[in-house]
N, C-alpha and C. Protein backbone atom coordinates (compact mmCIF):
# COMPACT_ATOMS: atom_id res chain seq x y z
N MET A 1 -20.34 146.93 73.45
CA MET A 1 -20.62 146.18 75.14
C MET A 1 -20.78 147.82 76.10
N SER A 2 -21.80 147.78 76.33
CA SER A 2 -21.87 148.73 77.82
C SER A 2 -21.31 148.50 79.10
N ARG A 3 -20.60 149.91 80.05
CA ARG A 3 -20.16 149.15 80.77
C ARG A 3 -21.30 149.03 81.95
N ILE A 4 -20.45 148.02 82.74
CA ILE A 4 -21.24 147.56 83.89
C ILE A 4 -20.75 148.20 85.38
N SER A 5 -21.82 148.01 86.68
CA SER A 5 -21.25 148.63 87.65
C SER A 5 -19.58 147.82 87.94
N ASN A 6 -18.62 148.42 88.87
CA ASN A 6 -17.94 148.30 89.00
C ASN A 6 -17.88 146.54 90.20
N LEU A 7 -18.61 146.55 90.47
CA LEU A 7 -18.94 145.29 91.48
C LEU A 7 -19.33 144.16 90.14
N GLU A 8 -20.15 144.63 89.71
CA GLU A 8 -20.55 143.21 89.22
C GLU A 8 -19.40 143.21 88.05
N PHE A 9 -18.49 144.08 87.34
CA PHE A 9 -17.19 143.77 86.94
C PHE A 9 -16.23 142.86 87.60
N PHE A 10 -16.29 142.81 89.01
CA PHE A 10 -15.51 142.63 89.71
C PHE A 10 -15.72 141.31 90.02
N LYS A 11 -17.16 140.95 90.24
CA LYS A 11 -17.59 139.69 90.41
C LYS A 11 -17.46 138.51 89.45
N LEU A 12 -17.55 139.16 87.98
CA LEU A 12 -16.87 138.39 86.78
C LEU A 12 -15.52 138.03 86.90
N VAL A 13 -14.82 138.79 87.58
CA VAL A 13 -13.26 138.49 87.60
C VAL A 13 -13.02 137.47 88.55
N ALA A 14 -13.85 137.29 89.47
CA ALA A 14 -14.02 136.89 90.74
C ALA A 14 -14.34 135.60 90.40
N GLY A 15 -15.51 135.08 89.85
CA GLY A 15 -15.83 134.15 88.89
C GLY A 15 -15.22 133.40 87.81
N LYS A 16 -14.53 134.12 86.66
CA LYS A 16 -13.81 133.52 85.73
C LYS A 16 -12.22 133.90 86.06
N GLY A 17 -11.74 134.78 86.67
CA GLY A 17 -10.47 135.00 86.34
C GLY A 17 -10.17 136.35 85.64
N ASP A 18 -11.12 136.49 85.00
CA ASP A 18 -11.09 137.97 83.93
C ASP A 18 -12.49 138.45 83.53
N ALA A 19 -12.62 139.46 82.89
CA ALA A 19 -13.95 139.87 82.19
C ALA A 19 -12.95 140.70 81.21
N ALA A 20 -14.05 140.89 80.14
CA ALA A 20 -13.84 141.93 79.34
C ALA A 20 -13.21 143.33 79.39
N SER A 21 -12.18 143.76 78.97
CA SER A 21 -11.42 145.04 79.20
C SER A 21 -12.72 145.93 78.54
N GLU A 22 -13.29 145.84 78.19
CA GLU A 22 -14.59 147.21 77.41
C GLU A 22 -15.48 147.39 78.74
N ALA A 23 -15.76 146.30 79.37
CA ALA A 23 -16.70 146.46 80.49
C ALA A 23 -16.40 146.98 81.48
N SER A 24 -15.20 147.66 81.38
CA SER A 24 -14.76 148.78 82.80
C SER A 24 -13.59 149.46 82.55
N ARG A 25 -13.14 150.28 83.14
CA ARG A 25 -12.09 151.39 82.96
C ARG A 25 -10.84 150.53 83.78
N PHE A 26 -11.11 149.49 85.09
CA PHE A 26 -10.14 149.15 85.47
C PHE A 26 -9.41 147.97 84.18
N ILE A 27 -7.89 147.68 84.49
CA ILE A 27 -7.31 146.92 83.92
C ILE A 27 -6.89 145.88 84.67
N TYR A 28 -7.47 144.77 84.61
CA TYR A 28 -7.56 143.47 85.04
C TYR A 28 -7.54 142.03 84.38
N PRO A 29 -6.16 141.34 84.91
CA PRO A 29 -5.93 141.75 86.42
C PRO A 29 -4.95 142.50 86.14
N PRO A 30 -4.22 143.14 86.96
CA PRO A 30 -2.80 144.43 87.02
C PRO A 30 -1.95 143.74 86.73
N ALA A 31 -0.83 144.47 86.34
CA ALA A 31 0.38 144.12 86.28
C ALA A 31 1.22 143.26 87.44
N ILE A 32 1.01 143.47 88.45
CA ILE A 32 1.18 143.25 90.24
C ILE A 32 1.01 142.08 90.43
N SER A 33 -0.34 141.72 89.82
CA SER A 33 -1.06 140.64 90.08
C SER A 33 -0.49 139.51 89.46
N LYS A 34 -0.33 140.13 88.01
CA LYS A 34 0.48 138.88 87.48
C LYS A 34 2.06 138.93 87.54
N THR A 35 2.61 139.53 88.35
CA THR A 35 4.17 139.60 88.36
C THR A 35 4.35 138.74 89.54
N LEU A 36 3.50 138.78 90.55
CA LEU A 36 3.12 137.76 91.85
C LEU A 36 2.56 136.54 91.70
N GLY A 37 1.51 136.97 91.18
CA GLY A 37 0.74 135.48 91.07
C GLY A 37 -0.87 135.65 91.93
N PHE A 38 -1.15 136.60 92.57
CA PHE A 38 -2.31 136.29 93.31
C PHE A 38 -3.82 136.88 92.61
N GLU A 39 -4.67 136.61 92.71
CA GLU A 39 -5.89 136.74 91.94
C GLU A 39 -6.75 137.21 92.92
N LEU A 40 -7.97 137.76 92.45
CA LEU A 40 -9.58 137.88 93.27
C LEU A 40 -9.85 136.68 93.28
N ILE A 41 -10.31 136.21 94.45
CA ILE A 41 -11.28 134.99 94.38
C ILE A 41 -12.52 135.40 95.14
N ASP A 42 -13.04 136.32 95.23
CA ASP A 42 -14.05 136.86 96.04
C ASP A 42 -14.30 138.29 96.35
N VAL A 43 -15.66 139.09 96.17
CA VAL A 43 -16.20 140.41 96.18
C VAL A 43 -17.29 140.93 96.55
N GLY A 44 -17.46 141.59 97.34
CA GLY A 44 -18.96 142.10 97.79
C GLY A 44 -18.62 143.72 97.83
N PRO A 45 -19.71 144.38 98.16
CA PRO A 45 -19.73 145.69 98.17
C PRO A 45 -19.16 146.26 99.65
N GLY A 46 -17.56 146.46 99.14
CA GLY A 46 -16.98 147.17 100.35
C GLY A 46 -15.68 146.19 100.42
N THR A 47 -15.91 144.87 99.60
CA THR A 47 -15.13 144.06 100.23
C THR A 47 -14.47 143.44 99.20
N ALA A 48 -13.29 142.70 99.25
CA ALA A 48 -12.52 141.81 98.23
C ALA A 48 -11.25 140.46 98.93
N THR A 49 -11.29 139.40 98.81
CA THR A 49 -10.43 138.75 98.96
C THR A 49 -9.63 138.28 97.46
N MET A 50 -8.41 138.31 98.18
CA MET A 50 -7.35 137.76 96.91
C MET A 50 -6.89 136.67 97.79
N GLU A 51 -5.86 135.94 96.65
CA GLU A 51 -5.72 134.77 96.73
C GLU A 51 -4.04 134.60 96.01
N LEU A 52 -3.05 133.90 97.05
CA LEU A 52 -1.69 133.91 96.34
C LEU A 52 -1.16 132.65 97.28
N VAL A 53 -0.65 131.73 95.99
CA VAL A 53 0.05 130.64 96.45
C VAL A 53 1.38 130.98 96.70
N ALA A 54 1.90 131.45 98.11
CA ALA A 54 3.05 131.91 98.43
C ALA A 54 3.90 130.71 97.85
N ASP A 55 5.20 131.05 97.49
CA ASP A 55 6.62 129.99 97.28
C ASP A 55 7.76 130.85 97.51
N ALA A 56 8.30 130.25 98.28
CA ALA A 56 9.88 130.79 98.78
C ALA A 56 10.77 131.30 97.75
N GLN A 57 10.57 130.37 96.80
CA GLN A 57 11.35 130.02 95.84
C GLN A 57 11.23 131.58 94.95
N LYS A 58 9.97 132.01 94.75
CA LYS A 58 9.37 133.32 93.96
C LYS A 58 9.11 134.25 94.76
N HIS A 59 8.81 134.55 96.15
CA HIS A 59 8.23 135.08 97.18
C HIS A 59 8.99 135.94 98.26
N ALA A 60 10.37 134.81 98.47
CA ALA A 60 11.05 134.99 99.71
C ALA A 60 11.84 136.05 99.79
N ASN A 61 12.21 136.79 101.32
CA ASN A 61 13.19 137.10 101.82
C ASN A 61 14.48 136.97 101.84
N PRO A 62 15.66 137.71 102.24
CA PRO A 62 16.83 136.80 102.33
C PRO A 62 17.16 135.87 103.57
N MET A 63 15.80 135.99 104.26
CA MET A 63 15.84 134.88 105.73
C MET A 63 15.05 133.49 105.07
N GLY A 64 14.35 133.81 103.95
CA GLY A 64 13.78 132.37 103.25
C GLY A 64 12.19 132.99 103.45
N THR A 65 11.34 133.62 104.00
CA THR A 65 10.47 133.53 104.60
C THR A 65 9.63 134.99 103.46
N ILE A 66 8.07 134.54 103.42
CA ILE A 66 7.78 135.34 101.98
C ILE A 66 7.87 136.87 103.06
N HIS A 67 8.60 137.25 101.67
CA HIS A 67 8.85 138.89 101.80
C HIS A 67 7.31 139.69 102.10
N GLY A 68 7.69 140.89 103.36
CA GLY A 68 6.59 141.28 103.63
C GLY A 68 6.22 142.55 102.76
N GLY A 69 6.68 142.75 101.88
CA GLY A 69 6.57 143.47 100.71
C GLY A 69 5.61 142.70 99.46
N VAL A 70 5.54 141.53 99.96
CA VAL A 70 4.61 140.84 98.69
C VAL A 70 3.30 140.94 99.83
N LEU A 71 3.61 140.97 100.97
CA LEU A 71 1.79 140.92 101.87
C LEU A 71 1.35 141.96 101.53
N CYS A 72 2.72 142.78 101.62
CA CYS A 72 1.78 144.45 101.18
C CYS A 72 0.95 144.56 100.30
N ASP A 73 1.70 143.87 99.41
CA ASP A 73 0.89 144.02 97.42
C ASP A 73 -0.37 143.59 97.78
N ILE A 74 -0.59 142.33 98.05
CA ILE A 74 -1.47 141.64 98.00
C ILE A 74 -2.81 142.29 99.04
N ALA A 75 -2.34 143.10 100.17
CA ALA A 75 -3.69 143.58 100.97
C ALA A 75 -3.46 145.15 100.55
N ASP A 76 -3.14 145.26 99.50
CA ASP A 76 -3.18 146.62 98.87
C ASP A 76 -3.88 146.72 97.97
N ALA A 77 -3.72 145.38 97.19
CA ALA A 77 -4.66 144.80 95.87
C ALA A 77 -6.31 144.87 96.28
N ALA A 78 -6.50 143.67 97.84
CA ALA A 78 -7.62 143.78 98.36
C ALA A 78 -8.15 145.30 98.75
N ILE A 79 -7.71 145.91 99.28
CA ILE A 79 -8.27 147.18 99.97
C ILE A 79 -8.66 148.04 98.71
N GLY A 80 -7.76 147.99 97.23
CA GLY A 80 -8.22 149.22 96.47
C GLY A 80 -9.55 148.51 96.10
N THR A 81 -9.57 146.90 95.76
CA THR A 81 -10.62 146.21 94.85
C THR A 81 -11.64 146.38 95.92
N ALA A 82 -11.91 146.35 97.16
CA ALA A 82 -12.97 146.22 98.17
C ALA A 82 -13.38 147.61 97.59
N HIS A 83 -12.58 149.10 97.98
CA HIS A 83 -13.07 150.45 97.65
C HIS A 83 -13.55 150.74 96.28
N ALA A 84 -12.81 149.57 95.28
CA ALA A 84 -13.52 150.27 93.83
C ALA A 84 -14.83 149.92 93.71
N THR A 85 -15.49 148.97 94.46
CA THR A 85 -16.40 148.45 94.51
C THR A 85 -17.64 149.54 94.68
N THR A 86 -16.68 150.26 95.55
CA THR A 86 -18.09 151.43 95.99
C THR A 86 -18.12 152.81 95.23
N LEU A 87 -17.36 152.42 94.12
CA LEU A 87 -16.94 154.09 93.79
C LEU A 87 -17.70 154.19 92.33
N ASP A 88 -18.55 155.35 92.12
CA ASP A 88 -19.27 155.53 90.60
C ASP A 88 -18.54 155.94 89.61
N GLU A 89 -19.15 155.71 88.42
CA GLU A 89 -18.19 155.88 87.29
C GLU A 89 -17.13 157.00 87.25
N ASP A 90 -17.49 158.43 87.71
CA ASP A 90 -16.62 159.59 87.96
C ASP A 90 -15.60 159.70 88.59
N GLU A 91 -15.53 158.38 89.58
CA GLU A 91 -14.91 158.60 90.80
C GLU A 91 -13.50 157.63 90.37
N SER A 92 -12.72 158.22 91.26
CA SER A 92 -11.47 157.25 91.88
C SER A 92 -10.89 157.48 93.35
N PHE A 93 -10.21 156.91 93.08
CA PHE A 93 -9.53 156.82 94.37
C PHE A 93 -7.82 157.04 94.78
N THR A 94 -7.10 156.99 95.55
CA THR A 94 -5.73 157.38 96.19
C THR A 94 -5.45 156.66 97.37
N SER A 95 -4.50 155.84 98.08
CA SER A 95 -4.33 155.64 99.18
C SER A 95 -3.51 156.79 99.61
N ILE A 96 -3.63 156.99 101.10
CA ILE A 96 -3.05 158.02 102.10
C ILE A 96 -2.07 157.33 102.83
N ASP A 97 -2.54 156.21 103.48
CA ASP A 97 -1.26 155.15 103.91
C ASP A 97 -1.87 153.73 104.06
N LEU A 98 -0.83 152.96 104.18
CA LEU A 98 -1.14 151.69 104.50
C LEU A 98 -0.08 151.25 105.76
N GLN A 99 -0.91 150.64 106.81
CA GLN A 99 0.43 150.01 107.96
C GLN A 99 0.10 148.43 107.96
N ILE A 100 1.08 147.88 108.19
CA ILE A 100 1.33 146.28 108.49
C ILE A 100 1.80 146.10 109.51
N ASN A 101 1.20 145.36 110.44
CA ASN A 101 1.46 144.42 111.21
C ASN A 101 1.33 143.17 110.86
N PHE A 102 2.85 142.29 111.31
CA PHE A 102 3.29 140.93 110.97
C PHE A 102 3.00 140.14 112.70
N PHE A 103 2.38 138.65 112.35
CA PHE A 103 2.65 137.97 113.45
C PHE A 103 2.92 136.68 113.56
N ARG A 104 2.80 136.21 112.46
CA ARG A 104 3.82 135.11 111.94
C ARG A 104 4.17 134.83 110.44
N PRO A 105 5.36 133.75 110.43
CA PRO A 105 6.46 133.70 109.07
C PRO A 105 5.03 133.07 108.43
N VAL A 106 5.18 133.30 106.72
CA VAL A 106 4.87 132.33 105.84
C VAL A 106 6.14 132.19 104.85
N TRP A 107 6.01 130.30 104.41
CA TRP A 107 7.10 130.06 103.66
C TRP A 107 6.41 129.57 101.97
N ASN A 108 5.70 128.65 102.70
CA ASN A 108 5.19 128.35 101.12
C ASN A 108 3.55 127.84 101.30
N GLY A 109 2.69 127.98 100.46
CA GLY A 109 1.18 127.32 101.00
C GLY A 109 0.21 128.60 100.54
N ARG A 110 -1.29 128.55 100.13
CA ARG A 110 -2.27 128.96 99.96
C ARG A 110 -2.43 130.19 101.03
N ILE A 111 -2.10 131.62 101.09
CA ILE A 111 -2.77 132.62 101.50
C ILE A 111 -3.89 133.33 101.41
N ARG A 112 -4.74 133.97 102.07
CA ARG A 112 -5.91 134.94 101.79
C ARG A 112 -5.55 136.47 102.17
N ALA A 113 -5.78 137.42 101.72
CA ALA A 113 -6.08 138.56 101.96
C ALA A 113 -7.38 138.86 101.71
N VAL A 114 -7.98 139.32 103.08
CA VAL A 114 -9.70 139.47 103.06
C VAL A 114 -9.57 140.80 103.38
N ALA A 115 -9.90 141.98 102.66
CA ALA A 115 -10.17 143.02 102.64
C ALA A 115 -11.65 143.26 103.09
N LYS A 116 -11.97 144.53 104.13
CA LYS A 116 -13.20 144.89 104.40
C LYS A 116 -13.36 146.70 105.31
N PRO A 117 -14.27 147.22 105.05
CA PRO A 117 -14.26 148.52 105.46
C PRO A 117 -14.41 148.94 107.37
N VAL A 118 -13.82 149.71 107.64
CA VAL A 118 -13.99 149.97 109.04
C VAL A 118 -14.99 151.07 109.13
N ASN A 119 -14.54 151.95 108.04
CA ASN A 119 -15.41 153.16 108.18
C ASN A 119 -15.56 153.69 106.57
N VAL A 120 -16.41 154.15 106.02
CA VAL A 120 -16.83 154.49 104.65
C VAL A 120 -17.13 156.11 104.53
N GLY A 121 -16.61 156.73 104.17
CA GLY A 121 -16.75 158.43 104.38
C GLY A 121 -17.13 158.46 102.34
N ARG A 122 -17.38 159.97 102.48
CA ARG A 122 -17.58 160.36 101.29
C ARG A 122 -16.64 160.72 100.71
N GLN A 123 -15.13 161.07 101.65
CA GLN A 123 -14.18 161.21 101.09
C GLN A 123 -13.04 160.34 101.70
N ILE A 124 -13.15 160.45 102.44
CA ILE A 124 -11.87 159.43 103.60
C ILE A 124 -12.66 158.22 103.99
N SER A 125 -12.08 157.11 103.33
CA SER A 125 -12.57 155.71 104.41
C SER A 125 -11.33 154.89 104.97
N ARG A 126 -11.45 153.69 105.58
CA ARG A 126 -10.34 152.93 106.29
C ARG A 126 -10.93 151.65 106.40
N TYR A 127 -9.95 151.16 105.75
CA TYR A 127 -10.16 149.49 105.77
C TYR A 127 -9.07 148.96 106.52
N VAL A 128 -9.52 147.39 106.70
CA VAL A 128 -8.92 146.62 107.60
C VAL A 128 -8.38 145.09 106.37
N CYS A 129 -7.44 144.69 106.59
CA CYS A 129 -7.22 143.30 105.69
C CYS A 129 -6.33 142.34 106.52
N ASP A 130 -7.03 141.39 107.01
CA ASP A 130 -6.27 139.64 107.48
C ASP A 130 -6.00 138.99 106.15
N ILE A 131 -4.64 138.78 106.41
CA ILE A 131 -3.82 138.24 105.79
C ILE A 131 -3.97 136.50 106.85
N LEU A 132 -4.27 135.46 106.13
CA LEU A 132 -4.69 134.17 106.44
C LEU A 132 -4.06 132.94 105.79
N ARG A 133 -3.10 132.42 106.51
CA ARG A 133 -2.56 131.28 106.12
C ARG A 133 -3.84 130.46 105.46
N ASP A 134 -4.16 129.10 105.22
CA ASP A 134 -4.83 127.93 104.62
C ASP A 134 -5.83 127.43 106.24
N ASP A 135 -4.68 127.64 107.48
CA ASP A 135 -5.29 127.06 108.90
C ASP A 135 -5.71 128.42 109.40
N ASP A 136 -6.34 129.35 108.60
CA ASP A 136 -7.08 130.32 109.26
C ASP A 136 -6.36 131.34 110.48
N LYS A 137 -4.99 130.75 110.24
CA LYS A 137 -3.99 131.81 111.50
C LYS A 137 -3.59 132.87 110.64
N LEU A 138 -4.04 133.92 111.46
CA LEU A 138 -3.42 135.08 111.30
C LEU A 138 -1.80 135.60 111.03
N VAL A 139 -1.73 135.97 109.61
CA VAL A 139 0.15 136.15 109.02
C VAL A 139 0.26 137.42 109.61
N ALA A 140 -0.69 138.47 108.95
CA ALA A 140 -0.61 139.76 109.17
C ALA A 140 -1.95 140.34 109.10
N GLN A 141 -1.73 141.69 109.28
CA GLN A 141 -2.98 142.24 109.66
C GLN A 141 -2.60 144.06 109.16
N VAL A 142 -3.20 144.61 108.00
CA VAL A 142 -3.06 146.01 107.30
C VAL A 142 -4.21 146.70 107.35
N THR A 143 -3.99 148.03 107.38
CA THR A 143 -4.57 148.90 107.48
C THR A 143 -4.70 149.91 106.68
N SER A 144 -5.37 150.22 105.99
CA SER A 144 -5.24 151.76 104.93
C SER A 144 -6.20 152.73 104.73
N THR A 145 -5.83 153.58 104.66
CA THR A 145 -6.84 155.01 104.74
C THR A 145 -6.76 155.56 103.06
N VAL A 146 -7.92 155.16 102.65
CA VAL A 146 -7.98 155.93 101.01
C VAL A 146 -8.59 157.08 101.12
N MET A 147 -8.43 157.64 99.94
CA MET A 147 -9.45 159.11 99.78
C MET A 147 -9.77 158.87 98.28
N THR A 148 -11.45 159.36 98.45
CA THR A 148 -11.85 159.13 97.02
C THR A 148 -11.90 160.52 96.25
N LEU A 149 -11.40 160.36 94.95
CA LEU A 149 -11.28 161.54 93.61
C LEU A 149 -12.83 161.58 93.44
N ARG A 150 -12.62 162.98 93.00
CA ARG A 150 -13.85 163.37 92.02
C ARG A 150 -13.32 164.35 91.12
N GLY A 151 -14.20 164.82 89.86
CA GLY A 151 -13.78 166.02 89.10
C GLY A 151 -12.91 165.58 88.55
N HIS A 152 -12.07 166.87 88.70
CA HIS A 152 -10.53 166.65 87.88
C HIS A 152 -9.64 166.04 88.25
N GLN A 153 -9.88 165.78 89.90
CA GLN A 153 -8.87 164.87 90.34
C GLN A 153 -8.85 163.53 90.39
N ALA A 154 -9.71 163.17 89.67
CA ALA A 154 -10.13 161.69 89.49
C ALA A 154 -9.84 161.53 87.65
N SER A 155 -9.71 162.71 87.40
CA SER A 155 -9.19 162.54 86.02
C SER A 155 -8.23 161.79 85.69
N GLY A 156 -8.22 160.64 84.58
CA GLY A 156 -6.93 160.01 84.12
C GLY A 156 -6.41 158.96 85.35
N ARG A 157 -7.34 158.82 86.28
CA ARG A 157 -6.75 157.75 86.98
C ARG A 157 -7.42 156.50 87.43
């Protein structure tokens, strides 16, 4: 089977929940999404949406609300997937930074992490990811800068 574009691969994942591993270099779903229970539900050029059914029994911090690290993980996955849709076969990327601002707590229920580009450059790109509750209220907002890697820097990543 020949490889398909990253965007087409992620579209298959969003549509079916998975895709043949030989169709892409990406391991999908990644271990962290299996561990936390989030999944890719929508993807486009430079955009991605992840969804998680938050459960305080599995995802809570000591105060009983969903742990901020869980929110960071789902946002980081959405941003990484969004950026991966823009990469050529010989390119990879790494995160330079990630910042989160919290606006309201979540205990249980469906949340979405919606990532979109602020600026896409040849090497440095910036993304924003809104984490929303089912009622579309903003739970948190994440920004992240990623660096596209090429040549020997991308090898093995």
